[in-house]
Amino acid sequence: MTSVATTFTSEQLLTKAAEFVEQCHYDIAQKFYLRALEMNPKDTNIMDALADTYLQLDAVDEAVLLLEKSISLAPNSGPAKWLSLAQLKRGQDSASCYERGIALLSNMQPLQPIALASAHCCLVELYMTDLCDEENAEQLCENHLARALELHPNGFEP
């Protein structure tokens, strides 16, 4: 695999990795993403894709490290990494990641109301569970639920 992978360009490696992800062969896709990342160590898109692959392989610690590195290199690109990291964190760390993801989603054009509503619902759930003892938890729940309903009034999740 290594000798074959060295003959591929970064783009070819990413294409092959995506093909393996589509076929649910995450262990093989991981190898192609790792090689592409070796060739482009600061490419946050590769980091994000590899982090998703790690999550499929239940390698949560590796995914968290990659998402955190990606965020440190490009904090304003891609709300998905913030929302993914939010799901892997707890308490206020999780809420902060959700809020950052929501801020980035809110600035995207075209607006993605379903994704935004879902992120607001995640915060509602967080303030109803892990952060229920926060002083303003009830008000935050109401605010986020109202925003989710405003964005996706007939949606199942809100």
N, C-alpha and C. Protein backbone atom coordinates (compact mmCIF):
# COMPACT_ATOMS: atom_id res chain seq x y z
N MET A 1 0.83 -1.19 0.00
CA MET A 1 0.00 0.00 0.00
C MET A 1 0.87 1.25 0.00
N THR A 2 1.90 1.30 0.85
CA THR A 2 2.71 2.49 0.93
C THR A 2 3.41 2.77 -0.39
N SER A 3 3.98 1.75 -1.03
CA SER A 3 4.66 1.98 -2.29
C SER A 3 3.68 2.45 -3.37
N VAL A 4 2.48 1.92 -3.36
CA VAL A 4 1.48 2.36 -4.32
C VAL A 4 1.03 3.78 -4.00
N ALA A 5 0.79 4.06 -2.74
CA ALA A 5 0.31 5.38 -2.33
C ALA A 5 1.31 6.48 -2.67
N THR A 6 2.60 6.16 -2.67
CA THR A 6 3.59 7.19 -2.96
C THR A 6 3.56 7.61 -4.42
N THR A 7 2.96 6.82 -5.29
CA THR A 7 2.87 7.19 -6.70
C THR A 7 1.65 8.06 -6.98
N PHE A 8 0.75 8.21 -6.03
CA PHE A 8 -0.45 9.02 -6.21
C PHE A 8 -0.18 10.47 -5.87
N THR A 9 -0.89 11.35 -6.55
CA THR A 9 -0.87 12.75 -6.15
C THR A 9 -1.82 12.90 -4.95
N SER A 10 -1.75 14.02 -4.31
CA SER A 10 -2.63 14.28 -3.17
C SER A 10 -4.09 14.21 -3.60
N GLU A 11 -4.42 14.78 -4.74
CA GLU A 11 -5.79 14.76 -5.23
C GLU A 11 -6.27 13.34 -5.49
N GLN A 12 -5.39 12.51 -6.05
CA GLN A 12 -5.75 11.12 -6.31
C GLN A 12 -5.98 10.36 -5.00
N LEU A 13 -5.14 10.64 -4.02
CA LEU A 13 -5.32 10.00 -2.71
C LEU A 13 -6.66 10.37 -2.11
N LEU A 14 -7.02 11.63 -2.21
CA LEU A 14 -8.30 12.09 -1.65
C LEU A 14 -9.48 11.48 -2.40
N THR A 15 -9.35 11.36 -3.70
CA THR A 15 -10.41 10.73 -4.48
C THR A 15 -10.60 9.28 -4.08
N LYS A 16 -9.48 8.56 -3.93
CA LYS A 16 -9.55 7.15 -3.52
C LYS A 16 -10.14 7.04 -2.11
N ALA A 17 -9.70 7.91 -1.21
CA ALA A 17 -10.21 7.88 0.16
C ALA A 17 -11.72 8.08 0.15
N ALA A 18 -12.19 9.05 -0.63
CA ALA A 18 -13.63 9.31 -0.69
C ALA A 18 -14.39 8.11 -1.25
N GLU A 19 -13.80 7.43 -2.22
CA GLU A 19 -14.43 6.23 -2.77
C GLU A 19 -14.56 5.15 -1.69
N PHE A 20 -13.51 4.98 -0.90
CA PHE A 20 -13.56 3.97 0.17
C PHE A 20 -14.55 4.37 1.26
N VAL A 21 -14.65 5.65 1.56
CA VAL A 21 -15.65 6.11 2.53
C VAL A 21 -17.05 5.79 2.02
N GLU A 22 -17.28 6.08 0.74
CA GLU A 22 -18.59 5.80 0.14
C GLU A 22 -18.94 4.32 0.23
N GLN A 23 -17.93 3.46 0.18
CA GLN A 23 -18.14 2.01 0.26
C GLN A 23 -18.09 1.51 1.71
N CYS A 24 -17.96 2.44 2.66
CA CYS A 24 -17.89 2.13 4.09
C CYS A 24 -16.64 1.33 4.46
N HIS A 25 -15.58 1.49 3.71
CA HIS A 25 -14.28 0.88 4.02
C HIS A 25 -13.40 1.95 4.68
N TYR A 26 -13.79 2.32 5.90
CA TYR A 26 -13.15 3.43 6.58
C TYR A 26 -11.69 3.14 6.93
N ASP A 27 -11.38 1.90 7.23
CA ASP A 27 -10.00 1.55 7.58
C ASP A 27 -9.06 1.79 6.40
N ILE A 28 -9.52 1.51 5.20
CA ILE A 28 -8.70 1.74 4.01
C ILE A 28 -8.67 3.23 3.69
N ALA A 29 -9.82 3.89 3.79
CA ALA A 29 -9.88 5.33 3.54
C ALA A 29 -8.94 6.08 4.45
N GLN A 30 -8.86 5.64 5.70
CA GLN A 30 -7.98 6.28 6.68
C GLN A 30 -6.54 6.30 6.17
N LYS A 31 -6.08 5.22 5.58
CA LYS A 31 -4.70 5.15 5.09
C LYS A 31 -4.45 6.15 3.97
N PHE A 32 -5.43 6.31 3.10
CA PHE A 32 -5.28 7.27 2.01
C PHE A 32 -5.31 8.71 2.54
N TYR A 33 -6.20 8.98 3.50
CA TYR A 33 -6.24 10.31 4.10
C TYR A 33 -4.94 10.62 4.85
N LEU A 34 -4.42 9.63 5.57
CA LEU A 34 -3.16 9.84 6.30
C LEU A 34 -2.02 10.19 5.35
N ARG A 35 -1.95 9.48 4.24
CA ARG A 35 -0.89 9.74 3.26
C ARG A 35 -1.08 11.13 2.65
N ALA A 36 -2.30 11.50 2.33
CA ALA A 36 -2.56 12.83 1.79
C ALA A 36 -2.20 13.91 2.81
N LEU A 37 -2.48 13.65 4.08
CA LEU A 37 -2.14 14.61 5.13
C LEU A 37 -0.63 14.72 5.31
N GLU A 38 0.09 13.62 5.15
CA GLU A 38 1.55 13.68 5.18
C GLU A 38 2.08 14.61 4.09
N MET A 39 1.44 14.57 2.93
CA MET A 39 1.85 15.40 1.81
C MET A 39 1.43 16.86 1.99
N ASN A 40 0.36 17.09 2.75
CA ASN A 40 -0.21 18.43 2.98
C ASN A 40 -0.54 18.60 4.45
N PRO A 41 0.47 18.72 5.30
CA PRO A 41 0.25 18.67 6.75
C PRO A 41 -0.59 19.80 7.34
N LYS A 42 -0.85 20.85 6.59
CA LYS A 42 -1.66 21.95 7.13
C LYS A 42 -3.01 22.09 6.42
N ASP A 43 -3.39 21.07 5.65
CA ASP A 43 -4.65 21.10 4.92
C ASP A 43 -5.78 20.69 5.86
N THR A 44 -6.56 21.67 6.28
CA THR A 44 -7.62 21.40 7.26
C THR A 44 -8.77 20.59 6.66
N ASN A 45 -8.96 20.67 5.35
CA ASN A 45 -10.01 19.85 4.73
C ASN A 45 -9.69 18.37 4.86
N ILE A 46 -8.41 18.03 4.69
CA ILE A 46 -7.99 16.64 4.86
C ILE A 46 -8.14 16.23 6.32
N MET A 47 -7.74 17.12 7.23
CA MET A 47 -7.89 16.83 8.66
C MET A 47 -9.34 16.54 9.02
N ASP A 48 -10.24 17.37 8.49
CA ASP A 48 -11.66 17.21 8.80
C ASP A 48 -12.20 15.89 8.25
N ALA A 49 -11.80 15.56 7.04
CA ALA A 49 -12.25 14.29 6.43
C ALA A 49 -11.69 13.10 7.20
N LEU A 50 -10.43 13.18 7.58
CA LEU A 50 -9.82 12.10 8.36
C LEU A 50 -10.47 11.99 9.73
N ALA A 51 -10.80 13.12 10.34
CA ALA A 51 -11.49 13.09 11.64
C ALA A 51 -12.84 12.38 11.51
N ASP A 52 -13.57 12.66 10.44
CA ASP A 52 -14.85 11.97 10.22
C ASP A 52 -14.63 10.47 10.06
N THR A 53 -13.57 10.11 9.37
CA THR A 53 -13.24 8.69 9.19
C THR A 53 -12.89 8.05 10.52
N TYR A 54 -12.11 8.76 11.33
CA TYR A 54 -11.79 8.25 12.66
C TYR A 54 -13.06 8.02 13.48
N LEU A 55 -14.00 8.92 13.38
CA LEU A 55 -15.25 8.75 14.12
C LEU A 55 -16.00 7.50 13.66
N GLN A 56 -15.97 7.23 12.38
CA GLN A 56 -16.60 6.01 11.87
C GLN A 56 -15.91 4.76 12.40
N LEU A 57 -14.62 4.90 12.68
CA LEU A 57 -13.84 3.77 13.21
C LEU A 57 -13.84 3.75 14.74
N ASP A 58 -14.61 4.65 15.36
CA ASP A 58 -14.70 4.78 16.82
C ASP A 58 -13.37 5.14 17.45
N ALA A 59 -12.55 5.88 16.71
CA ALA A 59 -11.27 6.38 17.22
C ALA A 59 -11.49 7.84 17.64
N VAL A 60 -12.24 8.01 18.72
CA VAL A 60 -12.70 9.33 19.14
C VAL A 60 -11.54 10.24 19.53
N ASP A 61 -10.57 9.74 20.26
CA ASP A 61 -9.45 10.57 20.69
C ASP A 61 -8.68 11.14 19.50
N GLU A 62 -8.46 10.31 18.50
CA GLU A 62 -7.75 10.77 17.30
C GLU A 62 -8.57 11.83 16.57
N ALA A 63 -9.89 11.62 16.50
CA ALA A 63 -10.76 12.59 15.84
C ALA A 63 -10.73 13.93 16.57
N VAL A 64 -10.80 13.90 17.90
CA VAL A 64 -10.77 15.14 18.68
C VAL A 64 -9.47 15.90 18.42
N LEU A 65 -8.35 15.20 18.44
CA LEU A 65 -7.06 15.85 18.20
C LEU A 65 -7.01 16.52 16.83
N LEU A 66 -7.50 15.82 15.81
CA LEU A 66 -7.50 16.39 14.46
C LEU A 66 -8.43 17.58 14.35
N LEU A 67 -9.62 17.47 14.92
CA LEU A 67 -10.56 18.59 14.87
C LEU A 67 -10.00 19.81 15.59
N GLU A 68 -9.37 19.59 16.73
CA GLU A 68 -8.77 20.70 17.47
C GLU A 68 -7.63 21.34 16.67
N LYS A 69 -6.83 20.52 16.01
CA LYS A 69 -5.74 21.05 15.18
C LYS A 69 -6.31 21.83 14.01
N SER A 70 -7.32 21.29 13.35
CA SER A 70 -7.96 21.95 12.23
C SER A 70 -8.53 23.30 12.66
N ILE A 71 -9.17 23.33 13.81
CA ILE A 71 -9.75 24.57 14.33
C ILE A 71 -8.66 25.58 14.65
N SER A 72 -7.55 25.11 15.19
CA SER A 72 -6.47 26.05 15.52
C SER A 72 -5.86 26.66 14.26
N LEU A 73 -5.82 25.88 13.16
CA LEU A 73 -5.24 26.38 11.91
C LEU A 73 -6.23 27.23 11.11
N ALA A 74 -7.50 26.89 11.17
CA ALA A 74 -8.51 27.61 10.36
C ALA A 74 -9.82 27.70 11.14
N PRO A 75 -9.86 28.56 12.15
CA PRO A 75 -11.05 28.62 13.01
C PRO A 75 -12.32 29.12 12.33
N ASN A 76 -12.17 29.84 11.23
CA ASN A 76 -13.34 30.42 10.58
C ASN A 76 -13.79 29.67 9.33
N SER A 77 -13.16 28.55 9.06
CA SER A 77 -13.57 27.79 7.87
C SER A 77 -14.29 26.52 8.29
N GLY A 78 -15.51 26.40 7.88
CA GLY A 78 -16.25 25.17 8.11
C GLY A 78 -16.87 25.02 9.48
N PRO A 79 -18.17 25.27 9.56
CA PRO A 79 -18.87 25.06 10.84
C PRO A 79 -18.97 23.59 11.23
N ALA A 80 -18.87 22.68 10.28
CA ALA A 80 -19.04 21.26 10.57
C ALA A 80 -18.03 20.76 11.60
N LYS A 81 -16.80 21.24 11.52
CA LYS A 81 -15.80 20.75 12.48
C LYS A 81 -16.12 21.23 13.89
N TRP A 82 -16.67 22.43 13.99
CA TRP A 82 -17.07 22.93 15.31
C TRP A 82 -18.23 22.11 15.87
N LEU A 83 -19.20 21.79 15.01
CA LEU A 83 -20.36 21.02 15.45
C LEU A 83 -19.98 19.58 15.78
N SER A 84 -19.04 19.02 15.04
CA SER A 84 -18.56 17.67 15.35
C SER A 84 -17.83 17.66 16.69
N LEU A 85 -16.97 18.64 16.88
CA LEU A 85 -16.23 18.71 18.14
C LEU A 85 -17.18 18.93 19.31
N ALA A 86 -18.23 19.71 19.10
CA ALA A 86 -19.22 19.96 20.16
C ALA A 86 -19.82 18.66 20.65
N GLN A 87 -20.06 17.72 19.73
CA GLN A 87 -20.65 16.44 20.11
C GLN A 87 -19.67 15.58 20.91
N LEU A 88 -18.40 15.87 20.80
CA LEU A 88 -17.38 15.07 21.47
C LEU A 88 -16.92 15.68 22.78
N LYS A 89 -17.33 16.91 23.02
CA LYS A 89 -16.97 17.60 24.27
C LYS A 89 -18.13 17.52 25.24
N ARG A 90 -17.91 18.05 26.43
CA ARG A 90 -18.95 18.04 27.47
C ARG A 90 -19.13 19.44 28.04
N GLY A 91 -20.28 19.64 28.61
CA GLY A 91 -20.56 20.86 29.35
C GLY A 91 -20.34 22.13 28.56
N GLN A 92 -19.72 23.09 29.23
CA GLN A 92 -19.51 24.40 28.63
C GLN A 92 -18.60 24.34 27.40
N ASP A 93 -17.66 23.42 27.38
CA ASP A 93 -16.81 23.26 26.19
C ASP A 93 -17.67 22.89 24.98
N SER A 94 -18.61 22.00 25.19
CA SER A 94 -19.53 21.61 24.12
C SER A 94 -20.38 22.80 23.68
N ALA A 95 -20.93 23.53 24.63
CA ALA A 95 -21.77 24.69 24.32
C ALA A 95 -20.98 25.72 23.52
N SER A 96 -19.75 25.96 23.89
CA SER A 96 -18.92 26.94 23.18
C SER A 96 -18.69 26.52 21.73
N CYS A 97 -18.46 25.24 21.52
CA CYS A 97 -18.27 24.74 20.16
C CYS A 97 -19.56 24.86 19.34
N TYR A 98 -20.69 24.52 19.95
CA TYR A 98 -21.97 24.67 19.25
C TYR A 98 -22.20 26.14 18.88
N GLU A 99 -21.94 27.02 19.81
CA GLU A 99 -22.17 28.45 19.55
C GLU A 99 -21.28 28.95 18.42
N ARG A 100 -20.04 28.49 18.39
CA ARG A 100 -19.14 28.90 17.30
C ARG A 100 -19.63 28.33 15.97
N GLY A 101 -20.05 27.08 15.96
CA GLY A 101 -20.59 26.47 14.75
C GLY A 101 -21.83 27.20 14.26
N ILE A 102 -22.70 27.58 15.19
CA ILE A 102 -23.91 28.33 14.85
C ILE A 102 -23.56 29.68 14.25
N ALA A 103 -22.58 30.35 14.84
CA ALA A 103 -22.15 31.65 14.31
C ALA A 103 -21.65 31.52 12.88
N LEU A 104 -20.85 30.50 12.62
CA LEU A 104 -20.34 30.29 11.26
C LEU A 104 -21.46 29.91 10.30
N LEU A 105 -22.36 29.03 10.73
CA LEU A 105 -23.50 28.66 9.89
C LEU A 105 -24.38 29.86 9.57
N SER A 106 -24.54 30.74 10.53
CA SER A 106 -25.40 31.92 10.35
C SER A 106 -24.85 32.87 9.31
N ASN A 107 -23.54 32.84 9.11
CA ASN A 107 -22.91 33.73 8.15
C ASN A 107 -22.77 33.12 6.76
N MET A 108 -23.15 31.86 6.62
CA MET A 108 -23.02 31.20 5.32
C MET A 108 -24.15 31.61 4.39
N GLN A 109 -23.81 31.70 3.12
CA GLN A 109 -24.81 31.95 2.09
C GLN A 109 -24.74 30.83 1.08
N PRO A 110 -25.82 30.22 0.71
CA PRO A 110 -27.15 30.47 1.25
C PRO A 110 -27.29 29.92 2.67
N LEU A 111 -28.19 30.51 3.39
CA LEU A 111 -28.46 30.08 4.76
C LEU A 111 -28.95 28.64 4.77
N GLN A 112 -28.50 27.88 5.74
CA GLN A 112 -28.90 26.47 5.86
C GLN A 112 -29.79 26.32 7.10
N PRO A 113 -31.08 26.62 6.95
CA PRO A 113 -31.96 26.66 8.13
C PRO A 113 -32.10 25.33 8.85
N ILE A 114 -32.08 24.23 8.14
CA ILE A 114 -32.24 22.93 8.83
C ILE A 114 -31.02 22.63 9.69
N ALA A 115 -29.83 22.85 9.16
CA ALA A 115 -28.60 22.63 9.94
C ALA A 115 -28.54 23.57 11.13
N LEU A 116 -28.95 24.82 10.92
CA LEU A 116 -28.95 25.78 12.02
C LEU A 116 -29.96 25.40 13.10
N ALA A 117 -31.14 25.00 12.68
CA ALA A 117 -32.17 24.59 13.64
C ALA A 117 -31.68 23.39 14.45
N SER A 118 -31.03 22.45 13.78
CA SER A 118 -30.51 21.27 14.46
C SER A 118 -29.46 21.65 15.50
N ALA A 119 -28.58 22.57 15.15
CA ALA A 119 -27.54 23.00 16.10
C ALA A 119 -28.17 23.69 17.31
N HIS A 120 -29.18 24.49 17.06
CA HIS A 120 -29.88 25.14 18.19
C HIS A 120 -30.55 24.08 19.07
N CYS A 121 -31.11 23.05 18.46
CA CYS A 121 -31.73 21.96 19.23
C CYS A 121 -30.70 21.22 20.08
N CYS A 122 -29.52 21.07 19.55
CA CYS A 122 -28.45 20.42 20.32
C CYS A 122 -28.13 21.23 21.57
N LEU A 123 -28.13 22.56 21.43
CA LEU A 123 -27.88 23.40 22.60
C LEU A 123 -29.03 23.30 23.60
N VAL A 124 -30.26 23.22 23.11
CA VAL A 124 -31.41 23.03 24.01
C VAL A 124 -31.19 21.76 24.83
N GLU A 125 -30.85 20.68 24.14
CA GLU A 125 -30.64 19.40 24.83
C GLU A 125 -29.51 19.50 25.85
N LEU A 126 -28.44 20.19 25.47
CA LEU A 126 -27.29 20.34 26.37
C LEU A 126 -27.68 21.11 27.63
N TYR A 127 -28.48 22.19 27.45
CA TYR A 127 -28.90 22.98 28.62
C TYR A 127 -29.99 22.28 29.43
N MET A 128 -30.60 21.26 28.86
CA MET A 128 -31.58 20.47 29.63
C MET A 128 -30.92 19.31 30.37
N THR A 129 -29.66 19.02 30.04
CA THR A 129 -28.97 17.88 30.65
C THR A 129 -27.70 18.35 31.35
N ASP A 130 -26.59 18.31 30.66
CA ASP A 130 -25.29 18.61 31.27
C ASP A 130 -25.21 19.98 31.92
N LEU A 131 -25.87 20.96 31.32
CA LEU A 131 -25.77 22.34 31.82
C LEU A 131 -27.06 22.83 32.47
N CYS A 132 -27.88 21.91 32.96
CA CYS A 132 -29.17 22.28 33.55
C CYS A 132 -29.03 23.11 34.82
N ASP A 133 -27.88 23.04 35.47
CA ASP A 133 -27.67 23.80 36.70
C ASP A 133 -27.14 25.21 36.46
N GLU A 134 -26.89 25.53 35.20
CA GLU A 134 -26.44 26.89 34.88
C GLU A 134 -27.54 27.87 35.27
N GLU A 135 -27.14 29.04 35.72
CA GLU A 135 -28.09 30.03 36.22
C GLU A 135 -29.17 30.38 35.19
N ASN A 136 -28.81 30.51 33.95
CA ASN A 136 -29.76 30.93 32.92
C ASN A 136 -30.12 29.80 31.95
N ALA A 137 -30.02 28.57 32.38
CA ALA A 137 -30.24 27.42 31.51
C ALA A 137 -31.65 27.42 30.91
N GLU A 138 -32.65 27.71 31.72
CA GLU A 138 -34.03 27.67 31.22
C GLU A 138 -34.24 28.72 30.13
N GLN A 139 -33.73 29.92 30.37
CA GLN A 139 -33.88 30.99 29.38
C GLN A 139 -33.12 30.66 28.10
N LEU A 140 -31.94 30.08 28.23
CA LEU A 140 -31.17 29.69 27.05
C LEU A 140 -31.90 28.61 26.25
N CYS A 141 -32.51 27.66 26.95
CA CYS A 141 -33.32 26.63 26.28
C CYS A 141 -34.44 27.28 25.48
N GLU A 142 -35.15 28.18 26.11
CA GLU A 142 -36.26 28.85 25.44
C GLU A 142 -35.78 29.64 24.23
N ASN A 143 -34.67 30.35 24.38
CA ASN A 143 -34.14 31.15 23.28
C ASN A 143 -33.72 30.28 22.10
N HIS A 144 -33.00 29.22 22.38
CA HIS A 144 -32.52 28.34 21.30
C HIS A 144 -33.68 27.58 20.65
N LEU A 145 -34.66 27.18 21.44
CA LEU A 145 -35.82 26.51 20.87
C LEU A 145 -36.62 27.46 19.98
N ALA A 146 -36.79 28.68 20.43
CA ALA A 146 -37.51 29.67 19.62
C ALA A 146 -36.78 29.91 18.30
N ARG A 147 -35.47 29.99 18.37
CA ARG A 147 -34.69 30.22 17.13
C ARG A 147 -34.80 29.01 16.20
N ALA A 148 -34.75 27.81 16.76
CA ALA A 148 -34.87 26.59 15.94
C ALA A 148 -36.24 26.55 15.27
N LEU A 149 -37.29 26.90 16.01
CA LEU A 149 -38.64 26.91 15.43
C LEU A 149 -38.79 28.00 14.37
N GLU A 150 -38.13 29.10 14.58
CA GLU A 150 -38.16 30.19 13.60
C GLU A 150 -37.48 29.74 12.29
N LEU A 151 -36.38 29.03 12.43
CA LEU A 151 -35.61 28.59 11.26
C LEU A 151 -36.28 27.43 10.52
N HIS A 152 -36.90 26.54 11.29
CA HIS A 152 -37.48 25.31 10.68
C HIS A 152 -38.81 24.99 11.40
N PRO A 153 -39.84 25.83 11.15
CA PRO A 153 -41.09 25.74 11.91
C PRO A 153 -41.82 24.39 11.83
N ASN A 154 -41.68 23.69 10.73
CA ASN A 154 -42.37 22.42 10.60
C ASN A 154 -41.44 21.23 10.75
N GLY A 155 -40.23 21.50 11.23
CA GLY A 155 -39.24 20.44 11.36
C GLY A 155 -39.54 19.52 12.52
N PHE A 156 -39.14 18.29 12.39
CA PHE A 156 -39.35 17.30 13.43
C PHE A 156 -38.53 17.61 14.67
N GLU A 157 -37.28 17.98 14.48
CA GLU A 157 -36.37 18.15 15.61
C GLU A 157 -36.81 19.29 16.55
N PRO A 158 -37.08 20.47 16.04
CA PRO A 158 -37.54 21.54 16.96
C PRO A 158 -38.87 21.22 17.59
